[in-house]
Protein backbone atom coordinates (compact mmCIF):
# COMPACT_ATOMS: atom_id res chain seq x y z
CA MET A 1 -14.41 28.15 -28.47
CA PHE A 2 -11.98 28.91 -25.64
CA SER A 3 -12.83 31.61 -23.13
CA SER A 4 -10.08 33.73 -21.68
CA VAL A 5 -10.58 33.78 -17.93
CA GLN A 6 -7.79 35.18 -15.79
CA ARG A 7 -7.13 33.36 -12.51
CA LYS A 8 -4.62 34.01 -9.80
CA CYS A 9 -2.32 31.01 -9.37
CA ILE A 10 -1.44 29.89 -5.88
CA SER A 11 1.27 27.35 -5.20
CA MET A 12 3.62 26.73 -2.33
CA LEU A 13 6.10 24.13 -1.20
CA LEU A 14 6.34 23.48 2.53
CA GLU A 15 9.51 21.86 3.81
CA LEU A 16 9.00 19.35 6.61
CA THR A 17 11.42 18.62 9.41
CA PRO A 18 12.28 14.96 10.11
CA GLU A 19 9.94 15.04 13.11
CA GLU A 20 7.09 16.35 10.94
CA CYS A 21 7.80 13.69 8.29
CA GLU A 22 7.55 10.97 10.94
CA SER A 23 4.20 12.38 12.09
CA VAL A 24 2.85 12.38 8.51
CA ILE A 25 3.81 8.74 7.76
CA PRO A 26 2.09 6.42 10.24
CA VAL A 27 3.91 3.48 11.85
CA VAL A 28 0.89 1.16 11.74
CA PRO A 29 -0.89 0.68 8.40
CA THR A 30 -4.18 2.52 7.97
CA ARG A 31 -7.50 1.19 6.69
CA LEU A 32 -6.98 2.82 3.27
CA GLN A 33 -3.53 1.26 2.89
CA TYR A 34 -4.97 -2.14 3.80
CA ALA A 35 -7.71 -1.69 1.17
CA ALA A 36 -5.14 -0.69 -1.46
CA TYR A 37 -3.15 -3.83 -0.65
CA TRP A 38 -6.19 -5.95 -1.58
CA SER A 39 -7.00 -4.00 -4.77
CA ASP A 40 -5.02 -6.35 -7.05
CA ALA A 41 -7.30 -9.38 -7.53
CA LEU A 42 -4.69 -11.60 -9.20
CA LYS A 43 -2.09 -11.17 -6.45
CA SER A 44 -4.74 -11.58 -3.75
CA THR A 45 -5.99 -14.82 -5.28
CA GLY A 46 -2.45 -16.17 -5.47
CA ARG A 47 -1.82 -15.29 -1.80
CA ILE A 48 -5.05 -16.97 -0.71
CA ILE A 49 -4.38 -20.16 -2.71
CA THR A 50 -0.81 -20.39 -1.39
CA ALA A 51 -1.94 -19.89 2.20
CA ILE A 52 -4.64 -22.53 1.88
CA LEU A 53 -2.25 -25.09 0.38
CA VAL A 54 0.45 -24.49 3.01
CA GLY A 55 -2.09 -24.37 5.84
CA VAL A 56 -3.80 -27.61 4.81
CA ALA A 57 -0.44 -29.36 4.32
CA LEU A 58 0.68 -28.35 7.81
CA LEU A 59 -2.64 -29.38 9.34
CA VAL A 60 -2.37 -32.81 7.66
CA LEU A 61 1.23 -33.02 8.89
CA SER A 62 0.08 -32.28 12.43
CA ARG A 63 -2.32 -35.24 12.24
CA ALA A 64 0.49 -37.46 10.94
CA PHE A 65 2.54 -36.78 14.08
CA GLY A 66 -0.32 -37.96 16.27
CA GLU A 67 -2.68 -36.50 18.86
CA GLY A 68 -0.35 -35.95 21.81
CA SER A 69 2.99 -35.15 20.19
CA PHE A 70 4.75 -31.81 20.59
CA LEU A 71 5.65 -31.58 16.86
CA GLY A 72 2.01 -32.20 15.96
CA ALA A 73 0.92 -29.27 18.14
CA ILE A 74 3.58 -27.00 16.62
CA ALA A 75 2.59 -28.00 13.07
CA PHE A 76 -1.08 -27.38 13.93
CA LEU A 77 -0.31 -23.91 15.32
CA VAL A 78 1.85 -22.95 12.33
CA GLY A 79 -0.89 -24.25 10.00
CA ILE A 80 -3.51 -22.04 11.62
CA LEU A 81 -1.18 -19.00 11.50
CA SER A 82 -0.38 -19.62 7.82
CA LEU A 83 -4.10 -19.68 7.02
CA LEU A 84 -4.32 -16.16 8.49
CA TYR A 85 -1.27 -14.90 6.53
CA PRO A 86 -3.04 -13.43 3.46
CA PHE A 87 -5.67 -11.71 5.60
CA LEU A 88 -3.71 -10.43 8.58
CA TRP A 89 0.06 -10.99 8.67
CA GLY A 90 0.89 -10.44 5.00
CA PRO A 91 -0.64 -6.97 4.60
CA LEU A 92 0.72 -5.79 7.94
CA TYR A 93 4.24 -6.95 7.10
CA THR A 94 4.29 -5.56 3.54
CA ILE A 95 2.79 -2.17 4.36
CA SER A 96 4.92 -1.71 7.49
CA ARG A 97 8.08 -2.51 5.52
CA ARG A 98 7.20 0.14 2.91
CA GLN A 99 6.45 2.75 5.57
CA LEU A 100 9.73 2.07 7.36
CA ALA A 101 11.57 2.64 4.08
CA PHE A 102 9.82 6.02 3.65
CA ARG A 103 10.48 6.99 7.27
CA GLU A 104 14.24 6.55 6.73
CA ILE A 105 14.28 9.44 4.23
CA PRO A 106 15.49 12.45 6.26
CA TYR A 107 13.64 15.13 4.31
CA GLY A 108 10.18 15.72 2.89
CA GLY A 109 7.73 18.33 1.80
CA LEU A 110 4.15 19.10 0.95
CA PHE A 111 3.14 20.81 -2.28
CA LEU A 112 -0.04 22.86 -2.48
CA GLY A 113 -1.00 24.12 -5.91
CA ARG A 114 -3.79 24.69 -8.39
CA CYS A 115 -3.85 24.33 -12.17
CA CYS A 116 -4.41 27.80 -13.58
CA ALA A 117 -3.95 27.43 -17.31
CA LEU A 118 -4.73 24.72 -19.82
CA ALA A 119 -3.09 24.50 -23.22
CA ALA A 120 -4.80 22.53 -25.99
CA THR A 121 -2.87 21.53 -29.08
CA SER A 122 -4.31 21.10 -32.53
CA GLY A 123 -3.11 18.61 -35.12
CA GLY A 124 -0.45 21.09 -36.34
CA GLY A 125 1.28 21.20 -32.99
CA ARG A 126 0.41 24.84 -32.26
CA ALA A 127 -0.69 25.49 -28.70
CA ARG A 128 -3.68 27.62 -27.77
CA LYS A 129 -4.17 28.88 -24.26
CA ALA A 130 -7.42 28.20 -22.48
CA GLY A 131 -8.19 29.96 -19.35
């Protein structure tokens, strides 16, 4: 059932200097991080609905102040920026904040390894080695 194949195991841990850690963690979010931010559908829907409600409320408020008023122009600008929040400003802010927290850690490392042995257990709790 199980074949016994011998393999040479290779694993190593590389310590990184603070300068190397800073080069590994980017300052600006990457495309993959941006995609991971949008992977949760429930949170994304909540962000979009909130941004639409706030944006529409501010745009209506800008019309209430009148065409030529300074407060109307400010409310209109803030309304447009809040409509862009879930698509542009929110992900950039959240991901950048996480990366800054990781960049403050003064040490780091990379682990390189390969799984060499697999142990399967039966119902009795005895382990058998598989190679």
